[in-house]
Amino acid sequence: MNIDFPPPSKGTYNNAGSSRKLCNYLEHEDMERMEQGIYTEGFFNLTDDNIYKSQVIKDIDSNIGQLMKTDAKFYAIHVSPSEKELRVMGNTEQEQAEAMKRYIREVVIPEYAKNYNKGLSAEDIKFYGKIHFDRNRSDNNLNLHCHLIVSRKDQSNKKKLSPLTNHKNTKRGTVKGGFDRKNLFQQAEQGFDKLFGYQRQLTETFEYCNTMKNGSLFEQLNMQERQISNERKNTDMQTGLYADKQDEPNENKVAYKQDDNLSNDIEDKQSFNLPDLGLSSALGLLTPDANKEEDQIPMKRKKKKPKRGFRQG
């Protein structure tokens, strides 16, 4: 899951003035999809869907109490799932869009509020979201992502909130609390996995990507060792499953052998009960023509010798 904060600029992301330019940009995809008769999504917040752009601009631009002319009035956030993550969010664009709104409402915004360490909840954050279905510079087959416009001030228009501050849970000085972006990324990632039952590999985690990009050489080596260890475990598990499958035919073979032995025993027992059919039966089928030869050769009769006795005179 990739979450980033586009830096303020003089163009679309100029946040020192009105949010109108950013809102207009977020609607550009809708016009293209509507012309093609394709499903679109309107703006949404914590509780409502299909909010008009005019209401978004009015709410964001009016929630600027005690801010100077050059101060940031709002911030933009991008939430971009990977292709693998999108596949567990639904099979259609509409299912994925509904899942994305649920993820924003139940995970991202609550973690965003909590990360300020000011006792804030999701209900204290004034934001609007807009889902896009395409990314111009992406090779993925699935490109759904979400743009968020978050007000600089909370719902009460009293507390200043900046996710770009470098303060992290400070308790002294003019800035109390702060914002830990790394912690937000990790908590949002874990929340996604729990919400959708996603089995995340080590190489997909923020911790791995951040370490391999910004960590020291020692940290990178340790991370690579973890990666190798995890890959070995996965290989061992797959090998174990394969072995289990290979064992199944062997068990069947043993069963078949037992069945064959049982049938042979039955045949042997039956053969002992058969009547005596002569030498050929005793020798089996090795002498099939023995009886025929004996029938064709006639037996020679022996001449009877006269009985010896007394002659009568």
Protein backbone atom coordinates (compact mmCIF):
# COMPACT_ATOMS: atom_id res chain seq x y z
CA MET A 1 0.00 0.00 0.00
CA ASN A 2 1.49 3.32 -1.07
CA ILE A 3 0.41 6.44 0.84
CA ASP A 4 2.04 9.76 0.03
CA PHE A 5 1.57 13.50 0.57
CA PRO A 6 2.10 15.51 -2.64
CA PRO A 7 4.10 18.63 -1.74
CA PRO A 8 2.33 21.99 -2.14
CA SER A 9 3.04 23.72 -5.44
CA LYS A 10 1.93 26.73 -7.47
CA GLY A 11 -0.25 24.54 -9.67
CA THR A 12 -2.90 21.93 -8.86
CA TYR A 13 -1.63 21.33 -5.35
CA ASN A 14 -1.39 24.97 -4.32
CA ASN A 15 -2.98 24.79 -0.88
CA ALA A 16 -2.54 28.39 0.24
CA GLY A 17 -5.75 29.47 -1.46
CA SER A 18 -8.99 27.83 -2.60
CA SER A 19 -9.42 24.09 -3.10
CA ARG A 20 -11.32 24.72 -6.35
CA LYS A 21 -8.40 23.97 -8.68
CA LEU A 22 -7.68 20.62 -7.00
CA CYS A 23 -11.38 19.65 -6.97
CA ASN A 24 -11.68 20.48 -10.67
CA TYR A 25 -8.69 18.28 -11.39
CA LEU A 26 -10.18 15.39 -9.39
CA GLU A 27 -13.31 15.44 -11.57
CA HIS A 28 -11.51 15.29 -14.93
CA GLU A 29 -11.69 11.49 -15.10
CA ASP A 30 -15.45 11.50 -14.50
CA MET A 31 -16.17 13.39 -17.71
CA GLU A 32 -14.17 10.91 -19.79
CA ARG A 33 -15.87 7.90 -18.21
CA MET A 34 -19.34 9.40 -18.44
CA GLU A 35 -18.87 10.00 -22.18
CA GLN A 36 -18.07 6.31 -22.54
CA GLY A 37 -20.95 5.25 -20.29
CA ILE A 38 -18.58 3.83 -17.66
CA TYR A 39 -19.23 3.68 -13.90
CA THR A 40 -17.99 6.72 -11.91
CA GLU A 41 -17.67 7.66 -8.24
CA GLY A 42 -18.50 11.04 -6.70
CA PHE A 43 -16.84 12.70 -3.71
CA PHE A 44 -17.31 11.03 -0.32
CA ASN A 45 -16.52 11.71 3.32
CA LEU A 46 -16.74 9.70 6.54
CA THR A 47 -20.51 9.14 6.28
CA ASP A 48 -21.83 10.20 2.87
CA ASP A 49 -21.35 9.31 -0.81
CA ASN A 50 -21.91 11.24 -4.05
CA ILE A 51 -21.24 14.66 -2.58
CA TYR A 52 -21.28 17.57 -5.04
CA LYS A 53 -18.00 19.30 -5.84
CA SER A 54 -19.50 22.67 -4.88
CA GLN A 55 -20.12 21.43 -1.33
CA VAL A 56 -16.57 20.11 -1.05
CA ILE A 57 -15.09 23.45 -2.11
CA LYS A 58 -17.36 25.39 0.26
CA ASP A 59 -16.59 23.20 3.30
CA ILE A 60 -12.83 23.17 2.79
CA ASP A 61 -12.51 26.86 1.91
CA SER A 62 -14.63 28.01 4.85
CA ASN A 63 -12.81 25.93 7.48
CA ILE A 64 -9.82 28.26 7.76
CA GLY A 65 -10.27 30.07 11.09
CA GLN A 66 -7.17 31.97 12.33
CA LEU A 67 -5.06 30.96 9.32
CA MET A 68 -2.86 33.51 7.60
CA LYS A 69 -3.17 34.24 3.87
CA THR A 70 -0.03 32.27 3.04
CA ASP A 71 -0.79 29.36 5.41
CA ALA A 72 -1.78 25.96 4.06
CA LYS A 73 -5.55 25.60 4.05
CA PHE A 74 -5.69 21.89 3.19
CA TYR A 75 -3.47 18.92 2.32
CA ALA A 76 -3.68 16.26 -0.38
CA ILE A 77 -3.09 12.56 0.26
CA HIS A 78 -2.78 9.74 -2.28
CA VAL A 79 -3.75 6.18 -1.31
CA SER A 80 -2.66 3.68 -3.97
CA PRO A 81 -3.04 -0.10 -3.48
CA SER A 82 -0.86 -2.50 -5.42
CA GLU A 83 -2.38 -4.77 -8.05
CA LYS A 84 -2.24 -7.72 -5.64
CA GLU A 85 -3.96 -5.69 -2.92
CA LEU A 86 -6.70 -4.57 -5.31
CA ARG A 87 -7.47 -8.19 -6.21
CA VAL A 88 -8.44 -8.95 -2.60
CA MET A 89 -10.62 -5.83 -2.51
CA GLY A 90 -13.06 -7.07 -5.14
CA ASN A 91 -13.56 -8.51 -8.60
CA THR A 92 -15.13 -5.46 -10.24
CA GLU A 93 -14.34 -1.74 -10.22
CA GLN A 94 -17.48 -1.06 -8.21
CA GLU A 95 -16.58 -3.66 -5.58
CA GLN A 96 -13.05 -2.28 -5.34
CA ALA A 97 -14.36 1.28 -5.03
CA GLU A 98 -16.68 0.29 -2.17
CA ALA A 99 -13.81 -1.54 -0.48
CA MET A 100 -11.57 1.51 -0.89
CA LYS A 101 -14.13 3.80 0.75
CA ARG A 102 -14.46 1.33 3.60
CA TYR A 103 -10.67 1.24 4.01
CA ILE A 104 -10.45 5.04 4.07
CA ARG A 105 -13.27 5.35 6.59
CA GLU A 106 -12.32 2.48 8.90
CA VAL A 107 -8.53 2.54 8.76
CA VAL A 108 -6.83 5.51 7.08
CA ILE A 109 -8.76 8.41 8.63
CA PRO A 110 -8.92 6.90 12.16
CA GLU A 111 -5.15 6.27 12.06
CA TYR A 112 -4.57 9.73 10.61
CA ALA A 113 -6.46 11.30 13.53
CA LYS A 114 -4.80 9.12 16.15
CA ASN A 115 -1.33 9.88 14.80
CA TYR A 116 -1.53 13.53 15.90
CA ASN A 117 -1.48 12.42 19.54
CA LYS A 118 -4.09 15.03 20.45
CA GLY A 119 -6.92 12.71 21.40
CA LEU A 120 -8.59 13.11 18.00
CA SER A 121 -10.91 10.59 16.34
CA ALA A 122 -12.05 10.10 12.74
CA GLU A 123 -15.09 12.30 13.44
CA ASP A 124 -12.77 15.25 14.15
CA ILE A 125 -11.20 15.19 10.68
CA LYS A 126 -12.78 17.20 7.85
CA PHE A 127 -11.92 15.45 4.62
CA TYR A 128 -13.28 14.48 1.22
CA GLY A 129 -12.20 11.60 -0.96
CA LYS A 130 -12.34 10.98 -4.71
CA ILE A 131 -11.65 7.63 -6.33
CA HIS A 132 -9.84 7.41 -9.66
CA PHE A 133 -9.70 4.28 -11.79
CA ASP A 134 -6.71 5.04 -14.04
CA ARG A 135 -3.08 6.03 -13.60
CA ASN A 136 -1.30 7.45 -16.62
CA ARG A 137 2.19 6.34 -15.59
CA SER A 138 1.45 2.81 -14.45
CA ASP A 139 1.94 -0.60 -16.06
CA ASN A 140 -0.50 -2.32 -13.72
CA ASN A 141 -3.67 -3.89 -15.09
CA LEU A 142 -5.57 -2.54 -12.08
CA ASN A 143 -5.02 1.13 -11.24
CA LEU A 144 -7.77 2.18 -8.83
CA HIS A 145 -6.55 4.70 -6.25
CA CYS A 146 -7.94 7.43 -4.02
CA HIS A 147 -7.27 11.16 -3.62
CA LEU A 148 -8.01 12.80 -0.28
CA ILE A 149 -8.42 16.49 0.48
CA VAL A 150 -7.95 17.04 4.22
CA SER A 151 -8.66 20.38 5.87
CA ARG A 152 -5.84 22.06 7.80
CA LYS A 153 -8.29 22.66 10.65
CA ASP A 154 -10.33 20.04 12.49
CA GLN A 155 -14.14 19.88 12.33
CA SER A 156 -14.46 22.40 15.15
CA ASN A 157 -12.30 24.86 13.17
CA LYS A 158 -10.09 25.31 16.24
CA LYS A 159 -7.12 22.93 16.04
CA LYS A 160 -4.41 23.25 13.40
CA LEU A 161 -3.36 19.93 11.90
CA SER A 162 -0.40 19.43 9.59
CA PRO A 163 0.72 15.98 8.39
CA LEU A 164 3.88 17.57 6.91
CA THR A 165 5.27 18.78 10.24
CA ASN A 166 8.60 17.38 11.40
CA HIS A 167 7.46 17.27 15.04
CA LYS A 168 6.68 13.79 16.40
CA ASN A 169 4.71 13.49 19.64
CA THR A 170 6.35 16.54 21.19
CA LYS A 171 5.21 17.63 24.65
CA ARG A 172 7.13 20.91 25.00
CA GLY A 173 7.26 24.09 22.93
CA THR A 174 4.65 25.81 20.81
CA VAL A 175 3.81 22.65 18.82
CA LYS A 176 2.23 19.90 20.88
CA GLY A 177 1.80 16.42 19.43
CA GLY A 178 3.18 16.37 15.91
CA PHE A 179 2.79 13.73 13.21
CA ASP A 180 4.76 10.52 12.56
CA ARG A 181 4.28 9.67 8.88
CA LYS A 182 6.18 6.39 9.12
CA ASN A 183 3.91 5.24 11.91
CA LEU A 184 0.85 6.17 9.83
CA PHE A 185 2.13 4.14 6.87
CA GLN A 186 2.75 1.08 9.03
CA GLN A 187 -0.55 1.29 10.90
CA ALA A 188 -2.51 1.80 7.66
CA GLU A 189 -0.74 -1.19 6.14
CA GLN A 190 -1.50 -3.44 9.09
CA GLY A 191 -5.09 -2.19 9.13
CA PHE A 192 -5.48 -3.11 5.46
CA ASP A 193 -4.18 -6.63 6.06
CA LYS A 194 -6.56 -7.15 8.96
CA LEU A 195 -9.56 -5.65 7.17
CA PHE A 196 -9.20 -7.73 4.02
CA GLY A 197 -7.33 -10.79 5.37
CA TYR A 198 -4.33 -10.02 3.17
CA GLN A 199 -1.26 -12.25 3.56
CA ARG A 200 1.52 -9.71 3.04
CA GLN A 201 5.01 -10.86 2.11
CA LEU A 202 8.01 -9.17 3.75
CA THR A 203 9.09 -7.56 0.48
CA GLU A 204 5.67 -5.84 0.25
CA THR A 205 5.89 -4.14 3.63
CA PHE A 206 6.67 -0.48 4.21
CA GLU A 207 9.36 -1.54 6.67
CA TYR A 208 11.21 -3.52 3.99
CA CYS A 209 10.91 -0.85 1.27
CA ASN A 210 11.91 1.98 3.60
CA THR A 211 14.89 0.06 4.98
CA MET A 212 16.20 -0.92 1.55
CA LYS A 213 15.86 2.70 0.37
CA ASN A 214 16.86 4.75 3.41
CA GLY A 215 18.40 2.34 5.93
CA SER A 216 22.07 1.92 6.79
CA LEU A 217 24.13 -0.86 5.24
CA PHE A 218 23.86 -2.87 8.46
CA GLU A 219 20.04 -2.47 8.49
CA GLN A 220 19.81 -3.46 4.83
CA LEU A 221 21.89 -6.61 5.41
CA ASN A 222 19.70 -7.59 8.36
CA MET A 223 16.60 -7.06 6.23
CA GLN A 224 18.04 -9.24 3.46
CA GLU A 225 18.75 -11.99 6.00
CA ARG A 226 15.10 -11.80 7.12
CA GLN A 227 14.01 -12.01 3.50
CA ILE A 228 16.14 -15.11 2.86
CA SER A 229 14.89 -16.72 6.06
CA ASN A 230 11.25 -16.08 5.10
CA GLU A 231 11.80 -17.45 1.60
CA ARG A 232 13.30 -20.63 3.08
CA LYS A 233 10.31 -21.05 5.36
CA ASN A 234 7.93 -20.60 2.44
CA THR A 235 9.92 -23.12 0.39
CA ASP A 236 9.89 -25.63 3.26
CA MET A 237 6.13 -25.21 3.63
CA GLN A 238 5.58 -25.73 -0.09
CA THR A 239 7.90 -28.76 -0.06
CA GLY A 240 5.97 -30.18 2.88
CA LEU A 241 2.67 -29.75 1.07
CA TYR A 242 4.13 -31.40 -2.04
CA ALA A 243 5.44 -34.29 0.04
CA ASP A 244 2.03 -34.79 1.60
CA LYS A 245 0.49 -34.99 -1.85
CA GLN A 246 3.16 -37.47 -2.94
CA ASP A 247 2.40 -39.64 0.07
CA GLU A 248 -1.23 -40.05 -0.91
CA PRO A 249 -0.58 -42.35 -3.92
CA ASN A 250 1.80 -44.45 -1.79
CA GLU A 251 -0.91 -45.00 0.78
CA ASN A 252 -3.25 -45.95 -2.00
CA LYS A 253 -0.67 -48.33 -3.37
CA VAL A 254 -0.38 -50.03 0.01
CA ALA A 255 -4.14 -50.35 0.11
CA TYR A 256 -4.17 -51.80 -3.38
CA LYS A 257 -1.50 -54.32 -2.41
CA GLN A 258 -3.51 -55.32 0.61
CA ASP A 259 -6.56 -55.80 -1.59
CA ASP A 260 -4.53 -57.90 -4.06
CA ASN A 261 -3.14 -60.08 -1.28
CA LEU A 262 -6.63 -60.55 0.10
CA SER A 263 -7.97 -61.63 -3.31
CA ASN A 264 -5.03 -64.01 -3.79
CA ASP A 265 -5.68 -65.58 -0.41
CA ILE A 266 -9.31 -66.11 -1.36
CA GLU A 267 -8.33 -67.72 -4.67
CA ASP A 268 -5.83 -70.01 -2.95
CA LYS A 269 -8.43 -71.11 -0.44
CA GLN A 270 -10.87 -71.82 -3.24
CA SER A 271 -8.32 -73.91 -5.17
CA PHE A 272 -7.91 -76.28 -2.23
CA ASN A 273 -11.61 -77.04 -2.37
CA LEU A 274 -11.59 -78.01 -6.07
CA PRO A 275 -11.77 -81.75 -7.00
CA ASP A 276 -8.61 -83.53 -8.14
CA LEU A 277 -8.36 -83.00 -11.91
CA GLY A 278 -5.11 -84.87 -12.47
CA LEU A 279 -1.51 -83.94 -13.05
CA SER A 280 -2.26 -80.83 -15.11
CA SER A 281 -4.25 -79.34 -12.25
CA ALA A 282 -1.44 -80.04 -9.86
CA LEU A 283 1.17 -78.45 -12.10
CA GLY A 284 -1.05 -75.47 -13.02
CA LEU A 285 -1.22 -74.21 -16.57
CA LEU A 286 2.34 -75.14 -17.55
CA THR A 287 1.21 -78.49 -19.16
CA PRO A 288 -2.04 -77.68 -20.91
CA ASP A 289 -1.76 -80.48 -23.57
CA ALA A 290 -0.75 -83.40 -21.35
CA ASN A 291 -4.24 -84.89 -21.10
CA LYS A 292 -4.78 -84.59 -24.87
CA GLU A 293 -1.64 -86.66 -25.67
CA GLU A 294 -2.66 -89.39 -23.28
CA ASP A 295 -6.09 -89.63 -24.96
CA GLN A 296 -4.65 -89.96 -28.48
CA ILE A 297 -2.14 -92.84 -27.78
CA PRO A 298 -4.02 -96.16 -27.24
CA MET A 299 -3.00 -98.31 -24.31
CA LYS A 300 -1.37 -101.64 -25.25
CA ARG A 301 -3.14 -104.71 -23.79
CA LYS A 302 -1.02 -107.44 -22.30
CA LYS A 303 -1.66 -111.02 -23.37
CA LYS A 304 -3.06 -113.25 -20.69
CA LYS A 305 -0.86 -116.21 -19.79
CA PRO A 306 -2.59 -119.55 -19.38
CA LYS A 307 -3.12 -120.57 -15.85
CA ARG A 308 -1.05 -123.46 -14.67
CA GLY A 309 -2.92 -126.41 -13.24
CA PHE A 310 -3.35 -130.24 -13.41
CA ARG A 311 -4.04 -131.77 -16.76
CA GLN A 312 -6.88 -134.22 -16.86
CA GLY A 313 -6.11 -137.41 -18.53
